[in-house]
N, C-alpha and C. Protein backbone atom coordinates (compact mmCIF):
# COMPACT_ATOMS: atom_id res chain seq x y z
N UNK A 1 144.87 80.08 20.79
CA UNK A 1 144.52 79.19 21.81
C UNK A 1 145.07 77.84 21.56
N UNK A 2 145.47 77.07 22.55
CA UNK A 2 146.09 75.32 22.11
C UNK A 2 144.72 74.62 22.12
N UNK A 3 144.96 73.90 21.08
CA UNK A 3 144.11 72.65 20.53
C UNK A 3 143.89 71.92 21.89
N UNK A 4 142.65 71.30 22.07
CA UNK A 4 142.48 70.24 23.43
C UNK A 4 142.85 68.86 22.14
N UNK A 5 143.55 68.42 23.11
CA UNK A 5 144.10 66.97 22.35
C UNK A 5 142.74 65.74 22.84
N UNK A 6 142.56 65.04 21.61
CA UNK A 6 141.37 63.80 21.50
C UNK A 6 141.33 63.35 22.85
N UNK A 7 142.92 62.55 23.30
CA UNK A 7 142.65 61.88 24.67
C UNK A 7 142.20 62.91 25.73
N UNK A 8 142.40 63.80 25.74
CA UNK A 8 141.82 64.85 26.95
C UNK A 8 140.05 64.69 26.84
N UNK A 9 139.84 65.14 25.67
CA UNK A 9 138.25 65.23 25.51
C UNK A 9 137.67 64.12 25.74
N UNK A 10 138.31 62.85 25.56
CA UNK A 10 137.87 61.65 25.77
C UNK A 10 137.93 61.54 27.60
N UNK A 11 138.64 61.57 27.99
CA UNK A 11 138.74 61.85 29.31
C UNK A 11 137.84 62.74 30.13
N UNK A 12 137.43 63.89 29.67
CA UNK A 12 136.76 64.52 30.19
C UNK A 12 135.13 64.23 29.64
N UNK A 13 134.87 63.78 28.58
CA UNK A 13 133.66 63.18 28.58
C UNK A 13 133.47 62.08 29.66
N UNK A 14 134.14 60.96 29.54
CA UNK A 14 134.39 60.08 30.65
C UNK A 14 133.92 60.59 32.15
N UNK A 15 134.82 61.57 32.56
CA UNK A 15 134.60 61.81 33.58
C UNK A 15 133.02 62.47 34.02
N UNK A 16 132.47 63.19 32.79
CA UNK A 16 131.33 63.76 33.08
C UNK A 16 130.26 62.20 33.01
N UNK A 17 130.45 61.45 32.10
CA UNK A 17 129.47 60.31 31.96
C UNK A 17 129.74 59.23 33.83
N UNK A 18 130.47 59.41 34.18
CA UNK A 18 130.61 58.64 35.16
C UNK A 18 129.83 60.07 36.64
N UNK A 19 130.15 61.08 36.55
CA UNK A 19 129.44 62.28 36.98
C UNK A 19 127.96 61.57 37.20
N UNK A 20 127.42 61.69 35.78
CA UNK A 20 126.20 61.43 35.80
C UNK A 20 125.50 60.19 36.17
N UNK A 21 126.27 59.14 36.39
CA UNK A 21 125.83 58.00 36.63
C UNK A 21 125.60 57.80 38.15
N UNK A 22 126.78 58.71 38.83
CA UNK A 22 126.57 58.63 40.31
C UNK A 22 125.17 59.56 40.36
N UNK A 23 124.89 60.29 40.05
CA UNK A 23 123.59 61.12 39.93
C UNK A 23 122.38 60.12 40.08
N UNK A 24 122.35 59.28 38.82
CA UNK A 24 121.36 58.55 38.18
C UNK A 24 121.43 57.61 39.82
N UNK A 25 122.25 57.10 40.08
CA UNK A 25 121.95 56.37 41.46
C UNK A 25 121.34 56.87 42.77
N UNK A 26 121.77 58.19 42.96
CA UNK A 26 120.73 58.78 43.81
C UNK A 26 119.29 59.21 43.74
N UNK A 27 119.10 59.32 42.55
CA UNK A 27 117.51 59.88 42.00
C UNK A 27 117.44 59.01 40.68
N UNK A 28 116.29 59.24 40.62
CA UNK A 28 115.26 58.56 39.14
C UNK A 28 115.83 59.15 38.32
N UNK A 29 116.11 58.45 36.91
CA UNK A 29 116.46 59.12 36.04
C UNK A 29 115.58 60.23 35.18
N UNK A 30 114.42 60.38 35.60
CA UNK A 30 113.70 61.07 34.96
C UNK A 30 113.68 62.54 35.81
N UNK A 31 114.12 62.30 36.90
CA UNK A 31 114.30 63.76 37.51
C UNK A 31 115.76 64.19 37.20
N UNK A 32 116.63 63.63 36.46
CA UNK A 32 118.27 64.11 36.44
C UNK A 32 118.30 65.22 35.42
N UNK A 33 118.62 66.32 35.93
CA UNK A 33 118.71 67.03 35.17
C UNK A 33 120.69 67.79 34.79
N UNK A 34 120.64 67.94 33.94
CA UNK A 34 121.96 68.76 33.09
C UNK A 34 122.80 69.51 34.50
N UNK A 35 122.06 70.42 35.30
CA UNK A 35 122.60 71.47 36.48
C UNK A 35 123.09 69.92 37.53
N UNK A 36 122.59 69.03 37.97
CA UNK A 36 122.95 67.96 38.75
C UNK A 36 124.28 67.35 38.24
N UNK A 37 124.25 67.06 36.77
CA UNK A 37 125.87 66.45 36.47
C UNK A 37 126.74 67.66 36.59
N UNK A 38 126.21 69.03 36.30
CA UNK A 38 127.51 70.02 36.57
C UNK A 38 127.86 70.08 38.02
N UNK A 39 127.13 69.97 39.13
CA UNK A 39 127.80 69.76 40.25
C UNK A 39 128.23 68.85 40.66
N UNK A 40 127.85 67.48 40.26
CA UNK A 40 128.69 66.32 40.46
C UNK A 40 129.61 66.14 39.96
N UNK A 41 129.83 66.89 38.88
CA UNK A 41 131.14 66.82 38.13
C UNK A 41 132.14 67.65 38.46
N UNK A 42 131.97 68.70 39.34
CA UNK A 42 132.87 69.69 39.99
C UNK A 42 133.19 70.43 38.51
N UNK A 43 132.75 70.29 37.26
CA UNK A 43 132.98 71.04 36.60
C UNK A 43 132.40 72.63 36.32
N UNK A 44 132.69 73.72 35.44
CA UNK A 44 131.98 74.52 35.18
C UNK A 44 130.35 74.17 34.02
N UNK A 45 129.82 74.96 33.88
CA UNK A 45 128.89 74.48 33.39
C UNK A 45 129.07 74.87 32.17
N UNK A 46 129.87 75.65 31.49
CA UNK A 46 130.66 75.59 30.28
C UNK A 46 131.38 74.43 29.86
N UNK A 47 132.13 74.18 30.93
CA UNK A 47 132.80 72.73 30.76
C UNK A 47 132.20 71.51 30.40
N UNK A 48 131.12 71.38 31.13
CA UNK A 48 130.33 70.26 30.70
C UNK A 48 129.53 70.27 29.49
N UNK A 49 128.74 71.61 28.99
CA UNK A 49 127.97 71.81 28.16
C UNK A 49 129.10 71.68 26.72
N UNK A 50 130.43 72.02 26.93
CA UNK A 50 131.23 72.02 25.81
C UNK A 50 131.05 70.44 25.19
N UNK A 51 130.88 69.58 25.79
CA UNK A 51 131.22 67.94 25.44
C UNK A 51 129.77 67.46 25.01
N UNK A 52 128.72 68.23 26.25
CA UNK A 52 127.41 67.57 25.99
C UNK A 52 126.22 68.38 25.79
N UNK A 53 125.92 68.72 25.08
CA UNK A 53 124.83 69.88 24.99
C UNK A 53 123.31 70.03 25.36
N UNK A 54 123.07 68.51 25.88
CA UNK A 54 122.04 68.58 26.93
C UNK A 54 121.78 67.28 27.55
N UNK A 55 121.08 66.48 28.23
CA UNK A 55 120.78 65.65 29.01
C UNK A 55 120.69 64.93 28.30
N UNK A 56 119.81 64.24 26.86
CA UNK A 56 119.54 63.51 26.30
C UNK A 56 121.08 62.77 25.88
N UNK A 57 121.89 63.84 25.15
CA UNK A 57 123.54 63.33 24.92
C UNK A 57 124.37 62.56 25.88
N UNK A 58 124.25 62.93 27.08
CA UNK A 58 124.59 62.42 28.34
C UNK A 58 124.39 61.02 28.45
N UNK A 59 122.55 61.00 28.44
CA UNK A 59 122.13 59.68 28.61
C UNK A 59 122.18 58.39 27.54
N UNK A 60 122.52 58.92 26.22
CA UNK A 60 123.28 58.34 24.97
C UNK A 60 124.27 57.89 25.36
N UNK A 61 125.39 58.69 25.84
CA UNK A 61 126.71 57.94 26.19
C UNK A 61 126.63 56.98 27.07
N UNK A 62 125.42 57.16 28.39
CA UNK A 62 125.31 55.71 28.87
C UNK A 62 124.87 54.66 28.26
N UNK A 63 124.35 54.80 27.55
CA UNK A 63 123.35 53.56 26.87
C UNK A 63 124.51 53.07 26.01
N UNK A 64 125.21 53.64 25.79
CA UNK A 64 126.22 53.66 24.34
C UNK A 64 127.58 52.60 25.00
N UNK A 65 127.59 52.63 26.28
CA UNK A 65 128.46 51.73 27.20
C UNK A 65 127.96 50.37 27.09
N UNK A 66 126.75 50.06 26.71
CA UNK A 66 125.99 48.82 26.58
C UNK A 66 126.34 47.96 25.53
N UNK A 67 127.42 48.57 24.90
CA UNK A 67 127.33 47.65 23.24
C UNK A 67 127.50 46.23 23.84
N UNK A 68 127.16 45.73 22.24
CA UNK A 68 127.39 43.92 22.60
C UNK A 68 128.54 43.78 22.46
N UNK A 69 128.86 42.90 23.58
CA UNK A 69 130.23 42.29 23.65
C UNK A 69 130.15 40.89 23.15
N UNK A 70 131.43 40.51 22.73
CA UNK A 70 131.88 39.19 22.28
C UNK A 70 131.39 38.13 23.24
N UNK A 71 131.79 38.25 24.36
CA UNK A 71 131.34 36.93 25.19
C UNK A 71 129.84 37.07 24.96
N UNK A 72 128.74 37.82 25.37
CA UNK A 72 127.23 37.75 25.23
C UNK A 72 126.99 36.76 24.00
N UNK A 73 127.60 37.48 22.96
CA UNK A 73 127.37 36.90 21.27
C UNK A 73 127.78 35.52 21.37
N UNK A 74 128.75 35.18 21.99
CA UNK A 74 129.40 33.78 21.71
C UNK A 74 128.72 32.64 22.66
N UNK A 75 128.21 33.56 23.94
CA UNK A 75 126.91 32.77 24.85
C UNK A 75 125.98 31.78 24.27
N UNK A 76 125.27 33.03 23.50
CA UNK A 76 124.14 32.74 22.79
C UNK A 76 124.14 32.07 21.70
N UNK A 77 125.24 32.04 20.90
CA UNK A 77 125.50 31.18 19.92
C UNK A 77 125.84 30.20 20.02
N UNK A 78 126.44 29.63 21.22
CA UNK A 78 126.68 28.15 21.96
C UNK A 78 125.64 27.53 21.86
N UNK A 79 124.52 28.33 22.76
CA UNK A 79 123.24 28.13 22.93
C UNK A 79 122.41 27.54 21.63
N UNK A 80 122.25 28.35 20.50
CA UNK A 80 121.81 28.16 19.43
C UNK A 80 122.16 26.56 18.84
N UNK A 81 123.37 26.44 18.76
CA UNK A 81 124.58 25.50 18.20
C UNK A 81 124.38 24.33 19.01
N UNK A 82 123.65 24.13 20.26
CA UNK A 82 124.06 23.10 21.17
C UNK A 82 122.94 22.17 20.67
N UNK A 83 123.42 20.90 21.01
CA UNK A 83 122.45 19.36 20.84
C UNK A 83 121.15 19.13 22.24
N UNK A 84 121.36 20.55 23.03
CA UNK A 84 120.69 20.28 24.40
C UNK A 84 119.06 20.29 23.64
N UNK A 85 118.07 19.50 24.97
CA UNK A 85 116.99 19.67 24.37
C UNK A 85 116.44 20.99 24.43
N UNK A 86 115.10 21.49 23.80
CA UNK A 86 114.92 22.77 23.87
C UNK A 86 114.42 23.77 25.32
N UNK A 87 113.94 22.22 26.12
CA UNK A 87 113.83 23.09 27.73
C UNK A 87 115.16 23.29 28.02
N UNK A 88 115.82 22.74 27.89
CA UNK A 88 116.96 22.97 28.46
C UNK A 88 118.08 23.92 28.12
N UNK A 89 117.74 24.42 26.60
CA UNK A 89 117.87 25.77 26.36
C UNK A 89 117.34 26.84 26.90
N UNK A 90 116.09 26.41 27.13
CA UNK A 90 115.68 27.70 27.71
C UNK A 90 116.04 27.89 28.89
N UNK A 91 116.22 26.75 30.14
CA UNK A 91 117.08 27.22 31.26
C UNK A 91 118.47 28.02 30.93
N UNK A 92 119.34 27.80 29.81
CA UNK A 92 120.56 28.17 29.57
C UNK A 92 120.40 29.51 29.29
N UNK A 93 119.32 29.73 28.44
CA UNK A 93 118.88 31.15 28.03
C UNK A 93 118.67 32.18 29.08
N UNK A 94 118.02 31.87 30.16
CA UNK A 94 117.47 32.20 31.34
C UNK A 94 118.64 32.51 32.48
N UNK A 95 119.72 31.31 32.07
CA UNK A 95 120.67 31.76 33.14
C UNK A 95 121.86 32.87 32.56
N UNK A 96 122.00 32.78 31.28
CA UNK A 96 122.96 34.01 30.94
C UNK A 96 122.38 35.20 30.84
N UNK A 97 121.15 35.50 30.50
CA UNK A 97 120.63 36.67 31.03
C UNK A 97 120.57 37.07 32.34
N UNK A 98 120.25 35.94 33.36
CA UNK A 98 120.51 36.57 34.74
C UNK A 98 122.04 37.10 35.35
N UNK A 99 122.88 36.31 34.56
CA UNK A 99 124.18 36.47 34.85
C UNK A 99 124.42 37.85 34.37
N UNK A 100 123.75 38.74 33.22
CA UNK A 100 123.86 39.79 32.79
C UNK A 100 123.39 40.90 33.71
N UNK A 101 122.11 40.30 33.86
CA UNK A 101 121.00 41.59 35.02
C UNK A 101 122.09 41.58 36.17
N UNK A 102 122.95 40.35 36.35
CA UNK A 102 123.51 40.65 38.21
C UNK A 102 124.83 41.47 37.79
N UNK A 103 125.49 41.07 36.56
CA UNK A 103 126.53 41.87 36.33
C UNK A 103 126.33 43.43 36.14
N UNK A 104 125.43 43.82 35.51
CA UNK A 104 124.90 45.16 35.08
C UNK A 104 124.61 45.98 36.60
N UNK A 105 123.57 45.42 37.29
CA UNK A 105 123.53 46.02 38.53
C UNK A 105 124.66 46.16 39.33
N UNK A 106 125.69 45.26 39.34
CA UNK A 106 126.51 45.38 40.17
C UNK A 106 127.41 46.30 39.77
N UNK A 107 127.59 46.76 38.64
CA UNK A 107 128.30 47.75 38.04
C UNK A 107 127.56 49.01 38.10
N UNK A 108 126.32 49.14 37.55
CA UNK A 108 125.42 50.71 37.37
C UNK A 108 124.03 50.63 38.12
N UNK A 109 123.77 49.53 38.87
CA UNK A 109 122.46 49.38 39.51
C UNK A 109 121.98 49.61 38.27
N UNK A 110 120.58 50.06 38.24
CA UNK A 110 119.41 49.70 37.40
C UNK A 110 119.49 51.12 36.45
N UNK A 111 120.40 51.85 36.27
CA UNK A 111 120.47 52.74 35.59
C UNK A 111 120.15 52.63 34.06
N UNK A 112 120.88 51.50 33.34
CA UNK A 112 120.60 51.26 32.04
C UNK A 112 118.98 51.21 31.69
N UNK A 113 118.84 50.01 32.83
CA UNK A 113 117.55 49.59 32.68
C UNK A 113 116.31 50.75 32.68
N UNK A 114 116.69 51.54 33.63
CA UNK A 114 115.87 52.86 33.70
C UNK A 114 115.98 53.80 32.43
N UNK A 115 116.80 53.72 31.96
CA UNK A 115 117.01 54.65 30.99
C UNK A 115 116.37 54.19 29.57
N UNK A 116 116.15 52.69 29.33
CA UNK A 116 115.44 52.09 28.28
C UNK A 116 113.64 52.34 28.53
N UNK A 117 113.50 52.42 29.50
CA UNK A 117 112.36 52.30 30.21
C UNK A 117 111.66 53.81 29.92
N UNK A 118 112.77 54.82 30.10
CA UNK A 118 112.66 56.28 30.31
C UNK A 118 112.00 56.74 28.46
N UNK A 119 112.82 55.99 27.46
CA UNK A 119 112.76 56.03 26.27
C UNK A 119 111.70 55.68 25.57
N UNK A 120 111.66 54.27 26.17
CA UNK A 120 110.24 53.16 25.47
C UNK A 120 108.86 53.86 26.13
N UNK A 121 108.87 54.63 26.94
CA UNK A 121 107.42 55.25 27.29
C UNK A 121 107.42 56.70 26.57
N UNK A 122 108.68 56.89 25.95
CA UNK A 122 108.49 58.87 25.22
C UNK A 122 109.04 58.38 23.79
N UNK A 123 108.04 57.93 22.87
CA UNK A 123 108.49 57.66 21.75
C UNK A 123 108.97 58.49 20.94
N UNK A 124 108.32 60.10 21.28
CA UNK A 124 108.98 61.11 20.35
C UNK A 124 110.54 61.14 20.75
N UNK A 125 110.44 61.30 21.99
CA UNK A 125 111.84 61.89 22.47
C UNK A 125 113.00 60.86 22.05
N UNK A 126 112.54 59.30 21.84
CA UNK A 126 113.28 58.21 21.61
C UNK A 126 114.07 59.19 20.07
N UNK A 127 112.73 59.07 19.26
CA UNK A 127 113.56 59.57 18.01
C UNK A 127 114.39 60.60 17.99
N UNK A 128 114.46 61.32 18.83
CA UNK A 128 115.62 62.34 19.16
C UNK A 128 117.29 61.62 19.63
N UNK A 129 116.99 60.62 19.59
CA UNK A 129 118.42 60.18 19.96
C UNK A 129 118.52 58.57 19.20
N UNK A 130 117.88 58.02 18.59
CA UNK A 130 118.07 56.53 18.68
C UNK A 130 118.97 56.83 17.48
N UNK A 131 119.39 57.50 16.67
CA UNK A 131 120.54 57.66 15.60
C UNK A 131 121.68 57.63 16.11
N UNK A 132 121.92 58.33 17.60
CA UNK A 132 123.43 58.22 17.96
C UNK A 132 123.23 56.80 18.69
N UNK A 133 122.56 55.99 19.10
CA UNK A 133 122.48 55.04 19.62
C UNK A 133 123.07 53.67 19.02
N UNK A 134 124.05 53.10 19.95
CA UNK A 134 124.62 52.02 19.10
C UNK A 134 123.95 51.06 18.56
N UNK A 135 124.23 50.37 17.43
CA UNK A 135 123.31 49.48 16.90
C UNK A 135 122.21 48.61 17.77
N UNK A 136 123.26 47.76 18.72
CA UNK A 136 122.58 46.46 19.68
C UNK A 136 123.50 46.82 20.69
N UNK A 137 122.54 46.15 21.84
CA UNK A 137 123.21 46.43 23.32
C UNK A 137 123.20 44.71 23.63
N UNK A 138 123.89 44.88 24.29
CA UNK A 138 124.09 43.26 25.20
C UNK A 138 122.30 42.79 25.48
N UNK A 139 121.74 43.79 26.27
CA UNK A 139 120.35 43.34 26.68
C UNK A 139 119.28 43.01 25.70
N UNK A 140 119.73 44.03 24.17
CA UNK A 140 118.65 43.95 22.92
C UNK A 140 118.72 42.60 22.63
N UNK A 141 120.19 42.20 22.29
CA UNK A 141 120.81 41.35 21.55
C UNK A 141 120.19 39.75 22.51
N UNK A 142 120.14 39.58 23.95
CA UNK A 142 119.44 38.11 24.29
C UNK A 142 117.94 38.45 24.54
N UNK A 143 117.43 39.73 24.40
CA UNK A 143 115.88 39.71 24.32
C UNK A 143 115.67 38.99 22.94
N UNK A 144 115.98 39.87 22.17
CA UNK A 144 116.33 39.35 20.77
C UNK A 144 116.02 37.68 20.81
N UNK A 145 117.36 37.53 20.59
CA UNK A 145 117.99 36.00 20.62
C UNK A 145 116.88 35.02 21.38
N UNK A 146 116.43 35.50 22.73
CA UNK A 146 115.18 34.61 23.46
C UNK A 146 113.89 34.39 22.68
N UNK A 147 113.57 35.58 22.30
CA UNK A 147 112.10 35.64 21.75
C UNK A 147 112.55 34.91 20.56
N UNK A 148 113.35 34.83 19.66
CA UNK A 148 113.55 33.99 18.51
C UNK A 148 113.17 32.97 18.68
N UNK A 149 114.17 32.33 19.77
CA UNK A 149 114.16 30.82 20.31
C UNK A 149 112.81 30.39 20.60
N UNK A 150 112.31 31.39 21.52
CA UNK A 150 110.65 31.03 21.66
C UNK A 150 109.87 30.64 21.00
N UNK A 151 109.81 31.84 19.84
CA UNK A 151 108.96 31.68 19.06
C UNK A 151 108.67 30.61 17.83
N UNK A 152 110.30 30.14 17.84
CA UNK A 152 110.52 29.12 16.93
C UNK A 152 109.99 28.15 17.33
N UNK A 153 110.31 27.53 18.79
CA UNK A 153 109.98 26.45 19.29
C UNK A 153 108.26 26.46 19.46
N UNK A 154 107.52 27.64 19.74
CA UNK A 154 106.06 27.46 19.82
C UNK A 154 105.65 27.36 18.48
N UNK A 155 106.02 27.79 17.39
CA UNK A 155 105.52 27.65 16.15
C UNK A 155 105.91 26.47 15.54
N UNK A 156 106.85 25.46 15.90
CA UNK A 156 106.83 24.08 15.48
C UNK A 156 106.42 23.45 16.23
N UNK A 157 105.65 23.83 17.53
CA UNK A 157 105.12 22.51 17.98
C UNK A 157 105.79 22.03 19.45
N UNK A 158 106.94 22.39 19.08
CA UNK A 158 107.65 21.73 20.61
C UNK A 158 107.40 22.24 21.66
N UNK A 159 107.07 23.12 22.34
CA UNK A 159 106.45 24.43 23.05
C UNK A 159 105.07 24.35 22.82
N UNK A 160 104.16 24.07 23.28
CA UNK A 160 102.53 23.81 23.36
C UNK A 160 101.64 24.97 24.45
N UNK A 161 101.13 25.82 23.81
CA UNK A 161 100.73 26.86 25.04
C UNK A 161 99.53 27.36 24.57
N UNK A 162 98.17 27.72 25.22
CA UNK A 162 97.03 28.37 24.63
C UNK A 162 97.29 29.84 24.59
N UNK A 163 98.33 30.49 25.49
CA UNK A 163 98.73 31.66 25.06
C UNK A 163 99.08 31.98 23.43
N UNK A 164 98.75 33.31 23.00
CA UNK A 164 99.57 33.69 21.84
C UNK A 164 101.15 33.80 22.19
N UNK A 165 102.05 33.52 21.43
CA UNK A 165 103.52 33.93 21.37
C UNK A 165 103.83 35.22 21.90
N UNK A 166 102.91 36.10 21.41
CA UNK A 166 103.30 37.76 21.85
C UNK A 166 102.70 37.76 23.43
N UNK A 167 101.56 37.32 23.82
CA UNK A 167 101.60 37.05 25.37
C UNK A 167 102.69 36.64 26.02
N UNK A 168 103.13 35.39 25.57
CA UNK A 168 104.08 34.85 26.26
C UNK A 168 105.56 35.55 26.67
N UNK A 169 105.68 36.29 25.41
CA UNK A 169 106.83 37.46 25.38
C UNK A 169 106.05 38.31 26.14
N UNK A 170 105.67 38.87 26.04
CA UNK A 170 105.16 40.16 27.19
C UNK A 170 105.04 39.74 28.32
N UNK A 171 104.64 38.76 28.97
CA UNK A 171 104.83 38.22 30.28
C UNK A 171 106.18 38.10 31.10
N UNK A 172 106.98 37.44 29.91
CA UNK A 172 108.33 37.39 30.20
C UNK A 172 109.07 38.69 30.28
N UNK A 173 108.65 39.75 29.54
CA UNK A 173 109.06 41.35 30.06
C UNK A 173 108.80 41.85 30.70
N UNK A 174 107.42 41.54 31.16
CA UNK A 174 106.76 42.22 32.34
C UNK A 174 107.59 41.71 33.70
N UNK A 175 107.98 40.54 33.88
CA UNK A 175 108.57 39.87 34.95
C UNK A 175 110.15 40.21 34.88
N UNK A 176 110.46 40.63 33.94
CA UNK A 176 112.17 40.68 33.94
C UNK A 176 111.97 42.29 34.25
N UNK A 177 111.52 42.90 34.11
CA UNK A 177 111.13 44.58 34.38
C UNK A 177 110.73 44.67 35.74
N UNK A 178 109.97 43.72 36.29
CA UNK A 178 109.90 44.13 37.82
C UNK A 178 111.07 43.40 38.45
N UNK A 179 111.78 42.26 38.11
CA UNK A 179 112.84 41.73 38.96
C UNK A 179 114.15 42.95 38.42
N UNK A 180 114.32 43.44 37.61
CA UNK A 180 115.33 44.53 37.55
C UNK A 180 114.94 45.91 38.51
N UNK A 181 113.67 46.34 38.35
CA UNK A 181 113.35 47.61 39.04
C UNK A 181 113.09 47.09 40.53
N UNK A 182 112.81 46.18 41.12
CA UNK A 182 112.68 46.04 42.34
C UNK A 182 113.77 45.50 43.41
N UNK A 183 115.36 45.75 42.27
CA UNK A 183 116.39 45.53 43.37
C UNK A 183 116.96 46.72 43.80
N UNK A 184 117.89 46.42 44.86
CA UNK A 184 118.81 47.46 45.45
C UNK A 184 120.13 47.34 45.63
N UNK A 185 120.70 47.14 44.56
CA UNK A 185 122.23 46.74 44.47
C UNK A 185 122.96 47.45 45.46
N UNK A 186 122.55 48.83 45.94
CA UNK A 186 123.36 49.23 46.89
C UNK A 186 123.43 48.64 48.45
N UNK A 187 122.39 48.16 48.96
CA UNK A 187 121.75 47.47 49.65
C UNK A 187 122.12 46.28 49.92
N UNK A 188 122.68 45.59 49.01
CA UNK A 188 122.73 44.11 48.99
C UNK A 188 124.32 44.21 48.88
N UNK A 189 124.99 42.77 49.54
CA UNK A 189 126.13 42.30 49.09
C UNK A 189 126.09 41.67 47.78
N UNK A 190 127.34 41.39 47.02
CA UNK A 190 127.58 40.57 45.96
C UNK A 190 126.74 39.35 45.70
N UNK A 191 127.09 38.77 46.93
CA UNK A 191 126.29 37.16 47.16
C UNK A 191 124.71 37.44 47.22
N UNK A 192 124.31 38.23 47.89
CA UNK A 192 122.96 38.52 48.03
C UNK A 192 122.26 38.76 46.83
N UNK A 193 122.37 39.41 46.14
CA UNK A 193 122.05 39.88 45.03
C UNK A 193 122.16 38.84 43.90
N UNK A 194 123.36 38.35 43.61
CA UNK A 194 123.49 36.72 42.83
C UNK A 194 122.26 35.82 43.16
N UNK A 195 122.27 35.57 44.52
CA UNK A 195 121.36 34.77 45.17
C UNK A 195 119.81 35.23 44.99
N UNK A 196 119.50 36.24 45.28
CA UNK A 196 118.16 36.85 44.71
C UNK A 196 117.96 36.64 43.25
N UNK A 197 118.69 37.13 42.34
CA UNK A 197 118.26 37.26 41.06
C UNK A 197 118.22 35.67 40.66
N UNK A 198 118.90 34.78 41.04
CA UNK A 198 119.14 33.60 40.65
C UNK A 198 117.98 32.74 40.94
N UNK A 199 117.50 33.17 42.20
CA UNK A 199 116.10 32.47 42.88
C UNK A 199 114.97 32.86 42.02
N UNK A 200 114.83 34.20 41.17
CA UNK A 200 114.00 34.72 40.53
C UNK A 200 113.73 34.60 39.17
N UNK A 201 115.46 33.89 38.60
CA UNK A 201 115.03 33.66 37.23
C UNK A 201 114.79 32.34 37.40
N UNK A 202 115.15 31.20 38.59
CA UNK A 202 114.56 29.92 38.69
C UNK A 202 113.19 30.02 38.72
N UNK A 203 112.40 30.88 39.32
CA UNK A 203 111.07 31.20 39.21
C UNK A 203 110.44 30.87 37.92
N UNK A 204 110.83 32.24 37.13
CA UNK A 204 110.25 32.15 35.89
C UNK A 204 110.57 30.82 34.71
N UNK A 205 112.02 30.28 35.09
CA UNK A 205 111.95 29.26 34.30
C UNK A 205 111.15 28.05 34.71
N UNK A 206 110.49 27.56 35.91
CA UNK A 206 109.92 26.78 36.45
C UNK A 206 108.29 27.16 36.16
N UNK A 207 108.46 28.48 35.80
CA UNK A 207 107.08 28.76 35.19
C UNK A 207 106.69 28.78 33.91
N UNK A 208 107.79 28.89 33.07
CA UNK A 208 107.78 28.74 31.67
C UNK A 208 107.79 27.35 31.19
N UNK A 209 108.39 26.46 32.15
CA UNK A 209 108.47 25.42 31.77
C UNK A 209 106.80 24.56 31.97
N UNK A 210 106.11 24.88 33.05
CA UNK A 210 104.76 24.62 32.85
C UNK A 210 103.64 24.94 32.33
N UNK A 211 104.08 26.35 31.52
CA UNK A 211 103.33 27.09 30.56
C UNK A 211 103.35 26.18 29.37
N UNK A 212 104.86 26.03 29.07
CA UNK A 212 105.38 25.84 27.59
C UNK A 212 105.72 24.03 27.62
N UNK A 213 106.00 23.57 28.62
CA UNK A 213 106.25 21.92 27.99
C UNK A 213 105.27 21.55 29.09
N UNK A 214 104.69 22.00 30.48
CA UNK A 214 103.84 21.22 31.28
C UNK A 214 104.51 20.08 32.05
N UNK A 215 105.89 20.99 32.24
CA UNK A 215 106.82 20.10 33.26
C UNK A 215 106.48 20.82 34.73
């Protein structure tokens, strides 16, 4: 039997992952099963299982497409290194996060965020896949960097609030989660999606400025 060339295997894996993403756009990720992906891919069941043993392996492949990119890292590093006032840096962080959300929703809808939510709600299931995941994603890097910035400003007294820093971070996380999951990129044009996300990010920025700076 002839050996399968590596590039052929990678193409087949990519086809299966794209089929899985199409399925995830049609139904909630927690309802997606391997049989859905097999049907969507047009391959045989054996053909799909040859490359992915179960649904979690497919989901990991989707999540690993979100590996940290140089542009995101450079954007965040530039904010930390800039001489801007802290309140301006807050706005800059939210702007780059908003840009990333818009780009992600345009490309894959809310699939990535739904998968993150799926595993965060099931720690035991996450334990089975965590070693297969790339170390840092764009979203993780943005969230961690923004949290580091906010905590530093609160601890030094630059940002003043009666809330605990953990409560501030939770407030932002809840808002962002709601922002992402209440979008329907399929029913919106690119400009409409960008405008809506921008407005919601602006609302969050104004709220944080009032909460942390009193402006």
